[in-house]
Amino acid sequence: MNILHEIKTSVIVTLVMLVVCCFLYPLVIFGVGQALFPRQANGSLVMGADGKPIASILLGQTFSAAKYFNPRPSAAGTGYDSTSSGGSNYGATSQALHDAVQQRIADYRKANNLPDTQPLPADAVEASGSGLDPHISVKNALLQLPRVAKARDMSEDDLKKLVDQYTDGRDFGVLGDPGVNIIKLNLALDGKYK
């Protein structure tokens, strides 16, 4: 008789927890997100002129033309593949990692017309852990600025103001370093982001 009571109690508790944890809690969190943070809860999407999403300000994309600021390298799939988010998992002693970074250094310097002695910020040649980071360092953006200004036939001072506008500060004013969201910046350069 006692075992039947324990089984009945266990089944009732399991069903109540199922309803609370699998239905009520997600519904409340969804409702709060939609009510208080609708843009963020829906992926921080940027809409094109036709009303269709063209980007998310939270996910990096590949920009390779000279008129765009280039993102940091990505090891996610074939590059910025959100279904394959992750790093390369190469260790510090990996020859493949060493060779990849050396090639990225050479490519970056060539693309931006920099001398071989120019130190580069780490985010210019090393992939992020997720492979989807939409930010680059301010130093990385400033090294690319002359190339982009020339390709767009605009003054470096005007472009610097735009870079400053799309630079996100430190979290809570003290955590991390300022970063430039190149999704916002590149779309603003094309007149698609305000």
Protein backbone atom coordinates (compact mmCIF):
# COMPACT_ATOMS: atom_id res chain seq x y z
CA MET A 1 0.00 0.00 0.00
CA ASN A 2 2.82 2.42 0.87
CA ILE A 3 4.63 1.78 -2.44
CA LEU A 4 1.48 2.63 -4.42
CA HIS A 5 1.22 5.93 -2.57
CA GLU A 6 4.88 6.73 -3.42
CA ILE A 7 4.35 5.87 -7.10
CA LYS A 8 1.22 8.01 -7.25
CA THR A 9 3.04 10.95 -5.62
CA SER A 10 6.00 10.55 -8.00
CA VAL A 11 3.75 10.52 -11.07
CA ILE A 12 1.82 13.61 -9.88
CA VAL A 13 5.05 15.53 -9.10
CA THR A 14 6.50 14.55 -12.49
CA LEU A 15 3.38 15.75 -14.32
CA VAL A 16 3.25 19.03 -12.37
CA MET A 17 6.97 19.67 -13.05
CA LEU A 18 6.44 18.81 -16.72
CA VAL A 19 3.68 21.41 -17.02
CA VAL A 20 5.62 24.04 -15.06
CA CYS A 21 9.06 23.51 -16.64
CA CYS A 22 8.07 22.59 -20.18
CA PHE A 23 5.04 24.82 -20.74
CA LEU A 24 4.46 27.57 -18.18
CA TYR A 25 8.06 28.72 -17.63
CA PRO A 26 8.96 28.89 -21.36
CA LEU A 27 5.67 30.67 -22.08
CA VAL A 28 6.34 33.29 -19.38
CA ILE A 29 9.94 33.84 -20.57
CA PHE A 30 8.76 34.11 -24.18
CA GLY A 31 6.06 36.61 -23.19
CA VAL A 32 8.46 38.73 -21.11
CA GLY A 33 11.01 38.70 -23.95
CA GLN A 34 8.44 39.76 -26.53
CA ALA A 35 6.98 42.43 -24.26
CA LEU A 36 10.20 43.99 -22.94
CA PHE A 37 12.86 43.11 -25.55
CA PRO A 38 11.08 42.29 -28.84
CA ARG A 39 14.01 43.19 -31.12
CA GLN A 40 16.54 41.13 -29.17
CA ALA A 41 14.14 38.25 -28.60
CA ASN A 42 13.63 37.98 -32.35
CA GLY A 43 17.32 37.82 -33.22
CA SER A 44 18.23 41.52 -33.58
CA LEU A 45 17.51 41.31 -37.30
CA VAL A 46 18.23 44.06 -39.80
CA MET A 47 15.54 44.31 -42.46
CA GLY A 48 16.17 45.20 -46.08
CA ALA A 49 14.14 47.62 -48.18
CA ASP A 50 11.85 44.75 -49.17
CA GLY A 51 11.08 43.96 -45.52
CA LYS A 52 13.08 40.71 -45.54
CA PRO A 53 15.90 40.10 -43.06
CA ILE A 54 19.36 40.73 -44.49
CA ALA A 55 21.48 40.25 -41.35
CA SER A 56 21.56 39.95 -37.61
CA ILE A 57 23.74 42.38 -35.70
CA LEU A 58 24.67 39.47 -33.42
CA LEU A 59 26.17 37.20 -36.09
CA GLY A 60 29.20 37.91 -38.22
CA GLN A 61 29.20 37.59 -41.98
CA THR A 62 31.88 37.39 -44.61
CA PHE A 63 32.70 40.69 -46.30
CA SER A 64 35.57 40.36 -48.75
CA ALA A 65 35.31 43.32 -51.14
CA ALA A 66 37.77 46.18 -50.59
CA LYS A 67 34.90 48.59 -49.86
CA TYR A 68 33.96 46.67 -46.69
CA PHE A 69 35.58 46.22 -43.32
CA ASN A 70 36.61 42.58 -43.08
CA PRO A 71 35.53 40.49 -40.09
CA ARG A 72 37.87 38.45 -37.99
CA PRO A 73 38.59 34.99 -39.43
CA SER A 74 36.03 32.27 -38.81
CA ALA A 75 36.47 28.54 -38.34
CA ALA A 76 32.71 27.92 -38.38
CA GLY A 77 32.07 25.63 -41.33
CA THR A 78 33.20 27.40 -44.48
CA GLY A 79 33.16 30.68 -42.58
CA TYR A 80 30.38 32.25 -40.53
CA ASP A 81 28.18 29.17 -40.89
CA SER A 82 25.80 29.42 -37.93
CA THR A 83 25.00 25.70 -38.17
CA SER A 84 28.68 24.88 -37.53
CA SER A 85 29.51 27.39 -34.82
CA GLY A 86 32.80 26.74 -33.10
CA GLY A 87 36.53 27.19 -33.22
CA SER A 88 39.08 25.15 -35.11
CA ASN A 89 40.11 23.31 -31.92
CA TYR A 90 43.75 23.46 -32.98
CA GLY A 91 46.15 23.64 -30.05
CA ALA A 92 48.93 26.19 -29.61
CA THR A 93 51.50 23.69 -30.94
CA SER A 94 49.47 22.80 -34.04
CA GLN A 95 51.39 23.28 -37.28
CA ALA A 96 48.09 23.70 -39.14
CA LEU A 97 47.15 26.60 -36.85
CA HIS A 98 50.59 28.16 -37.20
CA ASP A 99 50.44 27.92 -41.00
CA ALA A 100 46.89 29.32 -41.12
CA VAL A 101 47.80 32.30 -38.94
CA GLN A 102 50.95 33.02 -40.98
CA GLN A 103 48.87 32.98 -44.17
CA ARG A 104 46.27 35.28 -42.61
CA ILE A 105 49.00 37.70 -41.53
CA ALA A 106 50.39 37.83 -45.07
CA ASP A 107 46.91 38.21 -46.61
CA TYR A 108 45.89 40.94 -44.14
CA ARG A 109 49.03 42.97 -44.72
CA LYS A 110 48.70 42.63 -48.49
CA ALA A 111 44.99 43.55 -48.56
CA ASN A 112 45.56 46.60 -46.39
CA ASN A 113 48.88 47.65 -47.97
CA LEU A 114 50.76 47.36 -44.68
CA PRO A 115 54.52 46.89 -44.26
CA ASP A 116 55.88 43.51 -43.13
CA THR A 117 56.91 45.07 -39.83
CA GLN A 118 53.41 46.34 -38.97
CA PRO A 119 52.14 44.63 -35.79
CA LEU A 120 48.61 43.30 -36.20
CA PRO A 121 45.88 42.91 -33.59
CA ALA A 122 45.13 39.29 -32.70
CA ASP A 123 41.54 39.50 -33.93
CA ALA A 124 42.80 40.28 -37.44
CA VAL A 125 44.40 36.85 -37.79
CA GLU A 126 42.86 34.57 -35.15
CA ALA A 127 39.34 33.15 -35.31
CA SER A 128 36.90 33.64 -32.45
CA GLY A 129 35.73 30.75 -30.30
CA SER A 130 32.27 30.75 -31.85
CA GLY A 131 33.36 31.65 -35.35
CA LEU A 132 30.38 34.03 -35.51
CA ASP A 133 31.68 37.14 -33.74
CA PRO A 134 30.40 40.33 -35.46
CA HIS A 135 32.95 42.57 -33.72
CA ILE A 136 36.51 43.53 -34.50
CA SER A 137 38.85 45.60 -32.34
CA VAL A 138 39.10 49.32 -32.88
CA LYS A 139 42.76 48.88 -33.87
CA ASN A 140 41.76 46.31 -36.51
CA ALA A 141 39.16 48.74 -37.91
CA LEU A 142 41.65 51.61 -38.00
CA LEU A 143 44.17 49.48 -39.93
CA GLN A 144 41.47 48.72 -42.53
CA LEU A 145 40.17 52.28 -42.65
CA PRO A 146 42.51 53.64 -45.39
CA ARG A 147 41.63 50.73 -47.73
CA VAL A 148 37.88 51.16 -47.24
CA ALA A 149 38.06 54.96 -47.55
CA LYS A 150 39.98 54.66 -50.83
CA ALA A 151 37.60 52.02 -52.23
CA ARG A 152 34.58 54.17 -51.35
CA ASP A 153 36.22 57.44 -52.40
CA MET A 154 35.52 59.08 -49.07
CA SER A 155 37.70 60.91 -46.58
CA GLU A 156 39.34 58.95 -43.80
CA ASP A 157 38.06 61.48 -41.27
CA ASP A 158 34.43 60.92 -42.31
CA LEU A 159 34.92 57.17 -42.23
CA LYS A 160 36.57 57.40 -38.79
CA LYS A 161 33.47 59.18 -37.49
CA LEU A 162 31.34 56.32 -38.80
CA VAL A 163 33.66 53.76 -37.17
CA ASP A 164 33.32 55.65 -33.87
CA GLN A 165 29.54 55.66 -34.24
CA TYR A 166 29.42 51.85 -34.56
CA THR A 167 31.95 51.13 -31.83
CA ASP A 168 30.37 49.42 -28.83
CA GLY A 169 31.88 50.34 -25.47
CA ARG A 170 32.94 48.08 -22.65
CA ASP A 171 30.20 45.99 -21.04
CA PHE A 172 29.00 47.73 -17.87
CA GLY A 173 31.70 50.32 -18.54
CA VAL A 174 34.54 48.09 -17.34
CA LEU A 175 34.38 44.60 -18.89
CA GLY A 176 36.20 43.76 -22.11
CA ASP A 177 37.47 46.14 -24.76
CA PRO A 178 35.50 48.37 -27.13
CA GLY A 179 34.64 46.64 -30.39
CA VAL A 180 33.37 47.71 -33.79
CA ASN A 181 30.26 45.90 -34.99
CA ILE A 182 31.13 45.47 -38.67
CA ILE A 183 27.66 44.23 -39.57
CA LYS A 184 26.19 47.59 -38.53
CA LEU A 185 29.15 49.50 -39.98
CA ASN A 186 29.19 47.80 -43.39
CA LEU A 187 25.42 48.03 -43.74
CA ALA A 188 25.60 51.72 -42.78
CA LEU A 189 28.23 52.23 -45.48
CA ASP A 190 25.77 50.75 -47.98
CA GLY A 191 22.97 52.91 -46.58
CA LYS A 192 21.03 49.90 -45.28
CA TYR A 193 21.46 50.49 -41.54
CA LYS A 194 20.57 53.58 -39.54
